[in-house]
């Protein structure tokens, strides 16, 4: 509690609160959906190929370097591939439990 108070005192200006509660414009939503429709298949393909190698992290790093991804992009892709791997593992476990 004391550390939060000290942090608040050191903040040079008040933190702004986003009071704009309006939903995004339909055009923004549509653009985000189109971006996702293009990105998801590519992410799944990269993650599938990464899991097929002996070094998935190295594969993702090499892919990011070849395609000019930023550090954030590489970390984001790595996180998405970890989620993909967890889904594959959980799916296999579920299928094995159903076949017993």
Protein backbone atom coordinates (compact mmCIF):
# COMPACT_ATOMS: atom_id res chain seq x y z
CA UNK A 1 0.00 0.00 0.00
CA UNK A 2 2.80 2.38 0.88
CA UNK A 3 4.60 1.58 -2.36
CA UNK A 4 1.50 2.50 -4.39
CA UNK A 5 1.28 5.81 -2.54
CA UNK A 6 4.95 6.56 -3.24
CA UNK A 7 4.49 5.65 -6.90
CA UNK A 8 1.48 7.97 -7.12
CA UNK A 9 3.51 10.82 -5.64
CA UNK A 10 6.30 10.29 -8.17
CA UNK A 11 3.97 10.33 -11.16
CA UNK A 12 4.49 13.75 -12.77
CA UNK A 13 0.90 14.14 -13.90
CA UNK A 14 -2.37 12.50 -13.12
CA UNK A 15 -3.02 9.31 -15.00
CA UNK A 16 -5.72 9.89 -17.56
CA UNK A 17 -8.80 7.74 -17.46
CA UNK A 18 -10.39 6.71 -20.72
CA UNK A 19 -13.95 7.89 -20.35
CA UNK A 20 -14.91 7.29 -23.98
CA UNK A 21 -17.32 4.39 -23.61
CA UNK A 22 -18.54 4.42 -27.21
CA UNK A 23 -18.18 1.18 -29.16
CA UNK A 24 -15.70 1.17 -32.06
CA UNK A 25 -16.91 2.25 -35.46
CA UNK A 26 -18.20 -0.50 -37.73
CA UNK A 27 -15.37 0.17 -40.19
CA UNK A 28 -12.76 -0.39 -37.49
CA UNK A 29 -14.36 -3.67 -36.45
CA UNK A 30 -14.60 -4.85 -40.04
CA UNK A 31 -10.95 -3.98 -40.69
CA UNK A 32 -9.85 -5.86 -37.56
CA UNK A 33 -11.89 -8.90 -38.61
CA UNK A 34 -10.34 -8.88 -42.11
CA UNK A 35 -6.84 -8.60 -40.61
CA UNK A 36 -7.53 -11.53 -38.29
CA UNK A 37 -8.92 -13.60 -41.17
CA UNK A 38 -5.59 -13.17 -42.98
CA UNK A 39 -3.35 -13.60 -39.95
CA UNK A 40 -4.83 -16.63 -38.19
CA UNK A 41 -4.16 -19.17 -40.96
CA UNK A 42 -0.57 -17.93 -41.28
CA UNK A 43 -0.03 -18.11 -37.51
CA UNK A 44 -1.43 -21.65 -37.38
CA UNK A 45 0.86 -22.74 -40.22
CA UNK A 46 3.94 -21.23 -38.56
CA UNK A 47 3.04 -22.81 -35.21
CA UNK A 48 2.38 -26.21 -36.80
CA UNK A 49 5.74 -26.09 -38.59
CA UNK A 50 7.50 -24.92 -35.43
CA UNK A 51 6.10 -27.83 -33.40
CA UNK A 52 7.27 -30.26 -36.08
CA UNK A 53 10.89 -29.19 -35.50
CA UNK A 54 13.18 -30.10 -32.65
CA UNK A 55 13.63 -26.41 -31.72
CA UNK A 56 10.30 -24.54 -31.96
CA UNK A 57 11.67 -21.35 -30.39
CA UNK A 58 14.55 -21.28 -32.85
CA UNK A 59 12.15 -21.83 -35.73
CA UNK A 60 9.94 -18.95 -34.59
CA UNK A 61 12.95 -16.66 -34.13
CA UNK A 62 14.26 -17.52 -37.60
CA UNK A 63 10.79 -16.95 -39.11
CA UNK A 64 10.52 -13.58 -37.35
CA UNK A 65 13.98 -12.54 -38.54
CA UNK A 66 13.28 -13.60 -42.15
CA UNK A 67 9.99 -11.73 -42.23
CA UNK A 68 11.08 -8.56 -40.43
CA UNK A 69 8.91 -8.97 -37.33
CA UNK A 70 9.63 -6.62 -34.45
CA UNK A 71 10.62 -7.93 -31.05
CA UNK A 72 7.01 -7.52 -29.96
CA UNK A 73 5.82 -9.42 -33.04
CA UNK A 74 8.20 -12.27 -32.31
CA UNK A 75 7.13 -12.49 -28.66
CA UNK A 76 3.48 -12.32 -29.69
CA UNK A 77 3.98 -15.11 -32.25
CA UNK A 78 5.83 -17.19 -29.68
CA UNK A 79 2.98 -16.73 -27.20
CA UNK A 80 0.40 -17.65 -29.82
CA UNK A 81 2.39 -20.79 -30.66
CA UNK A 82 2.51 -21.75 -26.98
CA UNK A 83 -1.28 -21.44 -26.89
CA UNK A 84 -1.49 -23.51 -30.08
CA UNK A 85 0.78 -26.16 -28.56
CA UNK A 86 -1.36 -26.27 -25.40
CA UNK A 87 -4.46 -26.72 -27.55
CA UNK A 88 -2.85 -29.57 -29.46
CA UNK A 89 -1.76 -31.25 -26.23
CA UNK A 90 -5.18 -30.84 -24.64
CA UNK A 91 -6.92 -32.08 -27.78
CA UNK A 92 -4.76 -35.20 -27.90
CA UNK A 93 -5.43 -35.89 -24.21
CA UNK A 94 -9.17 -35.46 -24.76
CA UNK A 95 -9.15 -37.83 -27.73
CA UNK A 96 -7.20 -40.43 -25.76
CA UNK A 97 -9.65 -40.23 -22.86
CA UNK A 98 -12.60 -40.68 -25.22
CA UNK A 99 -11.11 -43.78 -26.88
CA UNK A 100 -10.63 -45.60 -23.57
